[in-house]
Amino acid sequence: MDKGSNVFSQVEERELQGEIFQVTHRILHIPRDVYQDVLSRHEEPFSEAASQDFVEQYLKWCGDTGGVIGMVRMDIQEEKVVLDAAIRYRINPLERPSCHTE
């Protein structure tokens, strides 16, 4: 692929220095019937979108509204579903990344 003629050659990337976010992993062991009950409205309850929805609902239930859900890895077992959810928390609000150019 010719990098000069691609639309991405017009993208300007800026790197931010310093620690802005802290990423934690929430490992949730969920009884399979509970998982399926919570996601009963999803057409595909074992999809990536559904697992992220489960984590979002769980975090709201816990009162944790400060994180942004990243990737969720799913391990489907016979009696339970295990979700490994990466949650990103802002630790330096004064130097937050922005999509706006200055």
N, C-alpha and C. Protein backbone atom coordinates (compact mmCIF):
# COMPACT_ATOMS: atom_id res chain seq x y z
N MET A 1 0.84 -1.16 0.00
CA MET A 1 0.00 0.00 0.00
C MET A 1 0.90 1.24 0.00
N ASP A 2 0.63 2.14 -0.89
CA ASP A 2 1.39 3.40 -0.98
C ASP A 2 0.93 4.33 0.12
N LYS A 3 1.81 4.59 1.09
CA LYS A 3 1.42 5.40 2.25
C LYS A 3 1.13 6.84 1.88
N GLY A 4 1.72 7.38 0.85
CA GLY A 4 1.51 8.78 0.48
C GLY A 4 0.14 9.07 -0.06
N SER A 5 -0.50 8.11 -0.71
CA SER A 5 -1.79 8.38 -1.34
C SER A 5 -2.97 7.90 -0.50
N ASN A 6 -2.72 7.35 0.64
CA ASN A 6 -3.79 6.85 1.49
C ASN A 6 -4.41 7.99 2.30
N VAL A 7 -5.70 7.91 2.60
CA VAL A 7 -6.37 8.95 3.38
C VAL A 7 -5.77 9.08 4.78
N PHE A 8 -5.19 8.01 5.29
CA PHE A 8 -4.60 8.07 6.62
C PHE A 8 -3.32 8.90 6.66
N SER A 9 -2.75 9.20 5.51
CA SER A 9 -1.56 10.04 5.49
C SER A 9 -1.89 11.47 5.92
N GLN A 10 -3.17 11.80 5.97
CA GLN A 10 -3.60 13.14 6.38
C GLN A 10 -3.85 13.24 7.88
N VAL A 11 -3.74 12.12 8.59
CA VAL A 11 -3.99 12.10 10.03
C VAL A 11 -2.72 12.52 10.76
N GLU A 12 -2.88 13.46 11.69
CA GLU A 12 -1.77 13.91 12.52
C GLU A 12 -1.93 13.28 13.90
N GLU A 13 -0.94 12.53 14.32
CA GLU A 13 -0.99 11.88 15.62
C GLU A 13 -0.11 12.62 16.60
N ARG A 14 -0.66 12.86 17.79
CA ARG A 14 0.10 13.52 18.84
C ARG A 14 0.22 12.59 20.03
N GLU A 15 1.40 12.55 20.62
CA GLU A 15 1.62 11.70 21.77
C GLU A 15 1.55 12.53 23.04
N LEU A 16 0.89 12.00 24.03
CA LEU A 16 0.75 12.69 25.30
C LEU A 16 1.75 12.09 26.28
N GLN A 17 2.49 12.91 26.97
CA GLN A 17 3.48 12.45 27.93
C GLN A 17 2.87 12.37 29.32
N GLY A 18 3.34 11.44 30.11
CA GLY A 18 2.88 11.32 31.49
C GLY A 18 1.77 10.30 31.63
N GLU A 19 1.48 9.99 32.88
CA GLU A 19 0.42 9.03 33.16
C GLU A 19 -0.92 9.73 33.21
N ILE A 20 -1.82 9.33 32.35
CA ILE A 20 -3.15 9.93 32.26
C ILE A 20 -4.21 8.96 32.79
N PHE A 21 -4.04 7.67 32.48
CA PHE A 21 -5.03 6.67 32.85
C PHE A 21 -4.41 5.54 33.64
N GLN A 22 -5.23 4.92 34.44
CA GLN A 22 -4.88 3.69 35.12
C GLN A 22 -5.84 2.63 34.60
N VAL A 23 -5.32 1.50 34.20
CA VAL A 23 -6.16 0.41 33.70
C VAL A 23 -6.19 -0.69 34.74
N THR A 24 -7.39 -1.10 35.09
CA THR A 24 -7.57 -2.22 36.02
C THR A 24 -8.33 -3.32 35.31
N HIS A 25 -8.22 -4.51 35.83
CA HIS A 25 -8.96 -5.64 35.28
C HIS A 25 -9.95 -6.11 36.33
N ARG A 26 -11.19 -6.22 35.93
CA ARG A 26 -12.22 -6.79 36.79
C ARG A 26 -12.48 -8.20 36.26
N ILE A 27 -12.24 -9.19 37.09
CA ILE A 27 -12.49 -10.58 36.71
C ILE A 27 -13.80 -10.98 37.37
N LEU A 28 -14.83 -11.18 36.55
CA LEU A 28 -16.17 -11.49 37.05
C LEU A 28 -16.48 -12.96 36.80
N HIS A 29 -16.80 -13.70 37.83
CA HIS A 29 -17.24 -15.09 37.73
C HIS A 29 -18.75 -15.08 37.91
N ILE A 30 -19.46 -15.35 36.84
CA ILE A 30 -20.91 -15.17 36.81
C ILE A 30 -21.59 -16.52 36.57
N PRO A 31 -22.53 -16.91 37.41
CA PRO A 31 -23.29 -18.12 37.08
C PRO A 31 -23.92 -17.96 35.69
N ARG A 32 -23.82 -18.99 34.91
CA ARG A 32 -24.27 -18.91 33.51
C ARG A 32 -25.73 -18.48 33.39
N ASP A 33 -26.60 -18.98 34.27
CA ASP A 33 -28.02 -18.61 34.19
C ASP A 33 -28.23 -17.13 34.53
N VAL A 34 -27.42 -16.58 35.44
CA VAL A 34 -27.51 -15.15 35.76
C VAL A 34 -27.08 -14.32 34.56
N TYR A 35 -25.97 -14.72 33.93
CA TYR A 35 -25.47 -14.01 32.75
C TYR A 35 -26.54 -13.98 31.66
N GLN A 36 -27.12 -15.14 31.38
CA GLN A 36 -28.12 -15.22 30.32
C GLN A 36 -29.40 -14.47 30.68
N ASP A 37 -29.76 -14.45 31.96
CA ASP A 37 -30.94 -13.71 32.39
C ASP A 37 -30.75 -12.21 32.20
N VAL A 38 -29.60 -11.70 32.61
CA VAL A 38 -29.31 -10.26 32.47
C VAL A 38 -29.31 -9.86 31.01
N LEU A 39 -28.82 -10.74 30.14
CA LEU A 39 -28.69 -10.40 28.72
C LEU A 39 -29.77 -11.04 27.86
N SER A 40 -30.91 -11.33 28.44
CA SER A 40 -31.97 -12.03 27.70
C SER A 40 -32.49 -11.23 26.50
N ARG A 41 -32.35 -9.92 26.53
CA ARG A 41 -32.83 -9.10 25.40
C ARG A 41 -31.84 -9.06 24.23
N HIS A 42 -30.62 -9.54 24.46
CA HIS A 42 -29.62 -9.56 23.38
C HIS A 42 -29.85 -10.74 22.45
N GLU A 43 -29.77 -10.47 21.16
CA GLU A 43 -29.91 -11.54 20.18
C GLU A 43 -28.76 -12.55 20.32
N GLU A 44 -27.57 -12.05 20.58
CA GLU A 44 -26.38 -12.89 20.77
C GLU A 44 -25.78 -12.60 22.15
N PRO A 45 -26.24 -13.28 23.21
CA PRO A 45 -25.76 -12.96 24.55
C PRO A 45 -24.28 -13.27 24.78
N PHE A 46 -23.68 -14.07 23.93
CA PHE A 46 -22.27 -14.40 24.10
C PHE A 46 -21.39 -13.64 23.12
N SER A 47 -21.87 -12.49 22.65
CA SER A 47 -21.10 -11.64 21.75
C SER A 47 -20.29 -10.63 22.55
N GLU A 48 -19.36 -9.97 21.89
CA GLU A 48 -18.54 -8.94 22.55
C GLU A 48 -19.41 -7.79 23.04
N ALA A 49 -20.36 -7.36 22.23
CA ALA A 49 -21.23 -6.25 22.61
C ALA A 49 -22.05 -6.61 23.85
N ALA A 50 -22.56 -7.83 23.91
CA ALA A 50 -23.36 -8.26 25.06
C ALA A 50 -22.51 -8.33 26.32
N SER A 51 -21.29 -8.86 26.21
CA SER A 51 -20.44 -8.96 27.40
C SER A 51 -20.07 -7.58 27.92
N GLN A 52 -19.85 -6.63 27.02
CA GLN A 52 -19.57 -5.27 27.45
C GLN A 52 -20.80 -4.66 28.13
N ASP A 53 -21.97 -4.96 27.62
CA ASP A 53 -23.20 -4.48 28.23
C ASP A 53 -23.35 -5.04 29.65
N PHE A 54 -23.03 -6.32 29.82
CA PHE A 54 -23.11 -6.93 31.15
C PHE A 54 -22.19 -6.19 32.12
N VAL A 55 -20.94 -5.96 31.69
CA VAL A 55 -19.98 -5.27 32.56
C VAL A 55 -20.47 -3.86 32.88
N GLU A 56 -21.02 -3.16 31.90
CA GLU A 56 -21.54 -1.81 32.13
C GLU A 56 -22.66 -1.83 33.18
N GLN A 57 -23.59 -2.75 33.04
CA GLN A 57 -24.68 -2.86 34.01
C GLN A 57 -24.14 -3.21 35.40
N TYR A 58 -23.15 -4.11 35.45
CA TYR A 58 -22.57 -4.50 36.73
C TYR A 58 -21.89 -3.31 37.40
N LEU A 59 -21.10 -2.54 36.65
CA LEU A 59 -20.41 -1.39 37.22
C LEU A 59 -21.40 -0.34 37.73
N LYS A 60 -22.48 -0.13 36.99
CA LYS A 60 -23.52 0.80 37.45
C LYS A 60 -24.13 0.30 38.76
N TRP A 61 -24.38 -0.99 38.84
CA TRP A 61 -24.94 -1.59 40.05
C TRP A 61 -23.99 -1.39 41.23
N CYS A 62 -22.67 -1.48 40.97
CA CYS A 62 -21.66 -1.27 42.02
C CYS A 62 -21.49 0.20 42.38
N GLY A 63 -22.04 1.10 41.57
CA GLY A 63 -21.85 2.54 41.79
C GLY A 63 -20.56 3.07 41.19
N ASP A 64 -19.94 2.29 40.34
CA ASP A 64 -18.68 2.68 39.70
C ASP A 64 -18.99 3.32 38.35
N THR A 65 -19.01 4.64 38.32
CA THR A 65 -19.35 5.35 37.08
C THR A 65 -18.16 6.10 36.50
N GLY A 66 -16.97 5.94 37.10
CA GLY A 66 -15.81 6.71 36.66
C GLY A 66 -14.94 6.04 35.62
N GLY A 67 -15.23 4.80 35.30
CA GLY A 67 -14.37 4.06 34.37
C GLY A 67 -14.95 3.95 32.98
N VAL A 68 -14.05 3.69 32.03
CA VAL A 68 -14.45 3.43 30.65
C VAL A 68 -14.08 1.98 30.34
N ILE A 69 -15.04 1.21 29.89
CA ILE A 69 -14.82 -0.20 29.62
C ILE A 69 -14.06 -0.35 28.32
N GLY A 70 -12.98 -1.10 28.40
CA GLY A 70 -12.20 -1.40 27.20
C GLY A 70 -12.56 -2.80 26.72
N MET A 71 -11.55 -3.56 26.44
CA MET A 71 -11.78 -4.93 25.96
C MET A 71 -12.31 -5.82 27.07
N VAL A 72 -13.19 -6.73 26.69
CA VAL A 72 -13.71 -7.73 27.61
C VAL A 72 -13.43 -9.10 27.00
N ARG A 73 -12.67 -9.90 27.76
CA ARG A 73 -12.39 -11.27 27.31
C ARG A 73 -13.38 -12.19 28.01
N MET A 74 -13.92 -13.13 27.25
CA MET A 74 -14.94 -14.02 27.79
C MET A 74 -14.45 -15.46 27.75
N ASP A 75 -14.68 -16.17 28.85
CA ASP A 75 -14.40 -17.60 28.92
C ASP A 75 -15.69 -18.27 29.33
N ILE A 76 -16.28 -19.02 28.42
CA ILE A 76 -17.57 -19.67 28.67
C ILE A 76 -17.29 -21.07 29.21
N GLN A 77 -17.73 -21.31 30.43
CA GLN A 77 -17.56 -22.62 31.05
C GLN A 77 -18.93 -23.26 31.21
N GLU A 78 -18.93 -24.50 31.66
CA GLU A 78 -20.18 -25.25 31.74
C GLU A 78 -21.21 -24.58 32.66
N GLU A 79 -20.78 -24.18 33.84
CA GLU A 79 -21.71 -23.62 34.83
C GLU A 79 -21.60 -22.11 35.00
N LYS A 80 -20.54 -21.49 34.43
CA LYS A 80 -20.36 -20.06 34.64
C LYS A 80 -19.71 -19.41 33.42
N VAL A 81 -19.78 -18.10 33.43
CA VAL A 81 -19.12 -17.27 32.42
C VAL A 81 -18.12 -16.41 33.18
N VAL A 82 -16.89 -16.38 32.69
CA VAL A 82 -15.86 -15.56 33.32
C VAL A 82 -15.54 -14.41 32.36
N LEU A 83 -15.68 -13.18 32.85
CA LEU A 83 -15.36 -12.00 32.05
C LEU A 83 -14.15 -11.32 32.66
N ASP A 84 -13.18 -11.00 31.81
CA ASP A 84 -12.02 -10.20 32.21
C ASP A 84 -12.20 -8.87 31.51
N ALA A 85 -12.60 -7.86 32.28
CA ALA A 85 -12.91 -6.55 31.70
C ALA A 85 -11.81 -5.56 32.06
N ALA A 86 -11.23 -4.95 31.05
CA ALA A 86 -10.25 -3.88 31.26
C ALA A 86 -11.02 -2.58 31.42
N ILE A 87 -10.81 -1.92 32.56
CA ILE A 87 -11.51 -0.66 32.86
C ILE A 87 -10.46 0.43 32.97
N ARG A 88 -10.67 1.51 32.24
CA ARG A 88 -9.71 2.62 32.23
C ARG A 88 -10.27 3.76 33.08
N TYR A 89 -9.44 4.22 34.04
CA TYR A 89 -9.81 5.33 34.92
C TYR A 89 -8.85 6.49 34.70
N ARG A 90 -9.38 7.69 34.60
CA ARG A 90 -8.55 8.87 34.44
C ARG A 90 -7.92 9.19 35.79
N ILE A 91 -6.60 9.34 35.84
CA ILE A 91 -5.92 9.66 37.09
C ILE A 91 -5.32 11.06 37.07
N ASN A 92 -5.29 11.70 35.91
CA ASN A 92 -4.75 13.05 35.80
C ASN A 92 -5.70 13.89 34.96
N PRO A 93 -6.76 14.43 35.57
CA PRO A 93 -7.79 15.14 34.80
C PRO A 93 -7.32 16.45 34.19
N LEU A 94 -6.21 17.00 34.65
CA LEU A 94 -5.76 18.29 34.12
C LEU A 94 -5.10 18.15 32.75
N GLU A 95 -4.61 16.99 32.44
CA GLU A 95 -3.93 16.79 31.16
C GLU A 95 -4.60 15.68 30.37
N ARG A 96 -5.91 15.74 30.31
CA ARG A 96 -6.63 14.67 29.62
C ARG A 96 -6.45 14.76 28.10
N PRO A 97 -6.40 13.63 27.45
CA PRO A 97 -6.32 13.61 25.98
C PRO A 97 -7.56 14.22 25.36
N SER A 98 -7.40 14.83 24.24
CA SER A 98 -8.53 15.44 23.55
C SER A 98 -8.41 15.20 22.06
N CYS A 99 -9.50 15.18 21.39
CA CYS A 99 -9.51 15.06 19.93
C CYS A 99 -9.38 16.43 19.28
N HIS A 100 -9.45 17.48 20.07
CA HIS A 100 -9.40 18.84 19.53
C HIS A 100 -7.95 19.30 19.38
N THR A 101 -7.66 19.97 18.30
CA THR A 101 -6.32 20.51 18.11
C THR A 101 -6.26 21.91 18.70
N GLU A 102 -5.08 22.29 19.11
CA GLU A 102 -4.93 23.62 19.71
C GLU A 102 -4.28 24.58 18.77
